[in-house]
Amino acid sequence: MVMKRVPAAAFKATCLELMDRVREAGVEYVVTKHGRPVAKLVPYDGEKTTSPFGCMKGTVLGYERPFDPVDADWDVNRT
């Protein structure tokens, strides 16, 4: 993929348009200041947002008998 160079002044003037191109076409831009690269605008490919439902799936390692009564020695106010 060819990265396009864009001067900082042109980037400032067309920032939103360039961001749309990056999102839609995957184009990458290198922003330059006085001919030197200072920033890179690339498509974001981060993690997908997940639903809170099922996010804890697989976190309990094992519990043999979950419906058995709690031991008689257990006390909620124990210190």
C-alpha atoms as a PDB file:
ATOM      1  CA  MET A   1       0.000   0.000   0.000  1.00  0.00           C
ATOM      2  CA  VAL A   2       1.258   3.451  -0.909  1.00  0.00           C
ATOM      3  CA  MET A   3       1.168   6.023   1.866  1.00  0.00           C
ATOM      4  CA  LYS A   4       0.242   9.482   0.716  1.00  0.00           C
ATOM      5  CA  ARG A   5       2.077  12.490   2.084  1.00  0.00           C
ATOM      6  CA  VAL A   6       0.110  15.553   3.061  1.00  0.00           C
ATOM      7  CA  PRO A   7       1.521  18.829   4.439  1.00  0.00           C
ATOM      8  CA  ALA A   8       0.280  19.845   7.902  1.00  0.00           C
ATOM      9  CA  ALA A   9      -1.544  22.917   6.554  1.00  0.00           C
ATOM     10  CA  ALA A  10      -3.435  20.804   3.980  1.00  0.00           C
ATOM     11  CA  PHE A  11      -4.165  18.198   6.654  1.00  0.00           C
ATOM     12  CA  LYS A  12      -5.621  20.875   8.905  1.00  0.00           C
ATOM     13  CA  ALA A  13      -7.870  22.132   6.116  1.00  0.00           C
ATOM     14  CA  THR A  14      -9.096  18.667   5.016  1.00  0.00           C
ATOM     15  CA  CYS A  15      -8.787  16.578   8.171  1.00  0.00           C
ATOM     16  CA  LEU A  16     -12.373  15.275   8.272  1.00  0.00           C
ATOM     17  CA  GLU A  17     -12.342  14.389   4.584  1.00  0.00           C
ATOM     18  CA  LEU A  18      -9.044  12.514   4.967  1.00  0.00           C
ATOM     19  CA  MET A  19     -10.414  10.632   7.968  1.00  0.00           C
ATOM     20  CA  ASP A  20     -13.402   9.533   5.883  1.00  0.00           C
ATOM     21  CA  ARG A  21     -11.076   8.261   3.144  1.00  0.00           C
ATOM     22  CA  VAL A  22      -9.039   6.336   5.705  1.00  0.00           C
ATOM     23  CA  ARG A  23     -12.158   4.712   7.150  1.00  0.00           C
ATOM     24  CA  GLU A  24     -13.807   3.896   3.819  1.00  0.00           C
ATOM     25  CA  ALA A  25     -10.865   2.993   1.572  1.00  0.00           C
ATOM     26  CA  GLY A  26      -8.116   2.131   4.054  1.00  0.00           C
ATOM     27  CA  VAL A  27      -5.826   4.842   2.666  1.00  0.00           C
ATOM     28  CA  GLU A  28      -2.887   5.828   4.897  1.00  0.00           C
ATOM     29  CA  TYR A  29      -1.501   9.344   5.165  1.00  0.00           C
ATOM     30  CA  VAL A  30       1.777  10.690   6.504  1.00  0.00           C
ATOM     31  CA  VAL A  31       1.442  14.248   7.754  1.00  0.00           C
ATOM     32  CA  THR A  32       4.549  16.340   7.172  1.00  0.00           C
ATOM     33  CA  LYS A  33       5.758  19.604   8.596  1.00  0.00           C
ATOM     34  CA  HIS A  34       8.487  21.379   6.644  1.00  0.00           C
ATOM     35  CA  GLY A  35       8.901  18.194   4.602  1.00  0.00           C
ATOM     36  CA  ARG A  36       9.546  15.958   7.624  1.00  0.00           C
ATOM     37  CA  PRO A  37       7.077  13.279   8.733  1.00  0.00           C
ATOM     38  CA  VAL A  38       5.418  14.076  12.069  1.00  0.00           C
ATOM     39  CA  ALA A  39       2.306  11.900  12.172  1.00  0.00           C
ATOM     40  CA  LYS A  40       0.631   8.980  10.457  1.00  0.00           C
ATOM     41  CA  LEU A  41      -3.102   8.571   9.866  1.00  0.00           C
ATOM     42  CA  VAL A  42      -4.044   4.898   9.498  1.00  0.00           C
ATOM     43  CA  PRO A  43      -7.274   2.869   9.751  1.00  0.00           C
ATOM     44  CA  TYR A  44      -8.222   1.797  13.261  1.00  0.00           C
ATOM     45  CA  ASP A  45      -8.431  -1.965  13.614  1.00  0.00           C
ATOM     46  CA  GLY A  46      -8.821  -2.268  17.365  1.00  0.00           C
ATOM     47  CA  GLU A  47     -10.853  -4.713  19.340  1.00  0.00           C
ATOM     48  CA  LYS A  48     -14.557  -5.017  18.841  1.00  0.00           C
ATOM     49  CA  THR A  49     -16.840  -3.914  21.618  1.00  0.00           C
ATOM     50  CA  THR A  50     -18.355  -6.839  23.436  1.00  0.00           C
ATOM     51  CA  SER A  51     -21.659  -7.274  25.166  1.00  0.00           C
ATOM     52  CA  PRO A  52     -21.632  -7.451  28.967  1.00  0.00           C
ATOM     53  CA  PHE A  53     -23.685 -10.640  28.677  1.00  0.00           C
ATOM     54  CA  GLY A  54     -21.383 -13.628  28.686  1.00  0.00           C
ATOM     55  CA  CYS A  55     -18.226 -11.594  29.317  1.00  0.00           C
ATOM     56  CA  MET A  56     -17.403 -13.723  32.400  1.00  0.00           C
ATOM     57  CA  LYS A  57     -17.871 -17.028  30.575  1.00  0.00           C
ATOM     58  CA  GLY A  58     -15.131 -19.484  31.442  1.00  0.00           C
ATOM     59  CA  THR A  59     -13.802 -17.525  34.424  1.00  0.00           C
ATOM     60  CA  VAL A  60     -15.039 -19.977  37.095  1.00  0.00           C
ATOM     61  CA  LEU A  61     -12.596 -22.849  37.164  1.00  0.00           C
ATOM     62  CA  GLY A  62     -14.814 -25.352  38.899  1.00  0.00           C
ATOM     63  CA  TYR A  63     -17.430 -25.759  41.560  1.00  0.00           C
ATOM     64  CA  GLU A  64     -18.587 -29.279  42.225  1.00  0.00           C
ATOM     65  CA  ARG A  65     -21.856 -28.795  44.099  1.00  0.00           C
ATOM     66  CA  PRO A  66     -23.125 -25.207  43.847  1.00  0.00           C
ATOM     67  CA  PHE A  67     -26.525 -25.887  45.433  1.00  0.00           C
ATOM     68  CA  ASP A  68     -25.296 -27.532  48.641  1.00  0.00           C
ATOM     69  CA  PRO A  69     -25.833 -25.511  51.840  1.00  0.00           C
ATOM     70  CA  VAL A  70     -22.976 -23.412  53.125  1.00  0.00           C
ATOM     71  CA  ASP A  71     -20.967 -24.849  56.054  1.00  0.00           C
ATOM     72  CA  ALA A  72     -22.493 -24.186  59.491  1.00  0.00           C
ATOM     73  CA  ASP A  73     -19.241 -22.486  60.607  1.00  0.00           C
ATOM     74  CA  TRP A  74     -19.617 -19.780  57.990  1.00  0.00           C
ATOM     75  CA  ASP A  75     -20.654 -16.398  59.397  1.00  0.00           C
ATOM     76  CA  VAL A  76     -21.182 -13.296  57.306  1.00  0.00           C
ATOM     77  CA  ASN A  77     -20.054 -11.045  60.166  1.00  0.00           C
ATOM     78  CA  ARG A  78     -16.873 -12.997  60.824  1.00  0.00           C
ATOM     79  CA  THR A  79     -13.729 -10.895  61.158  1.00  0.00           C
END
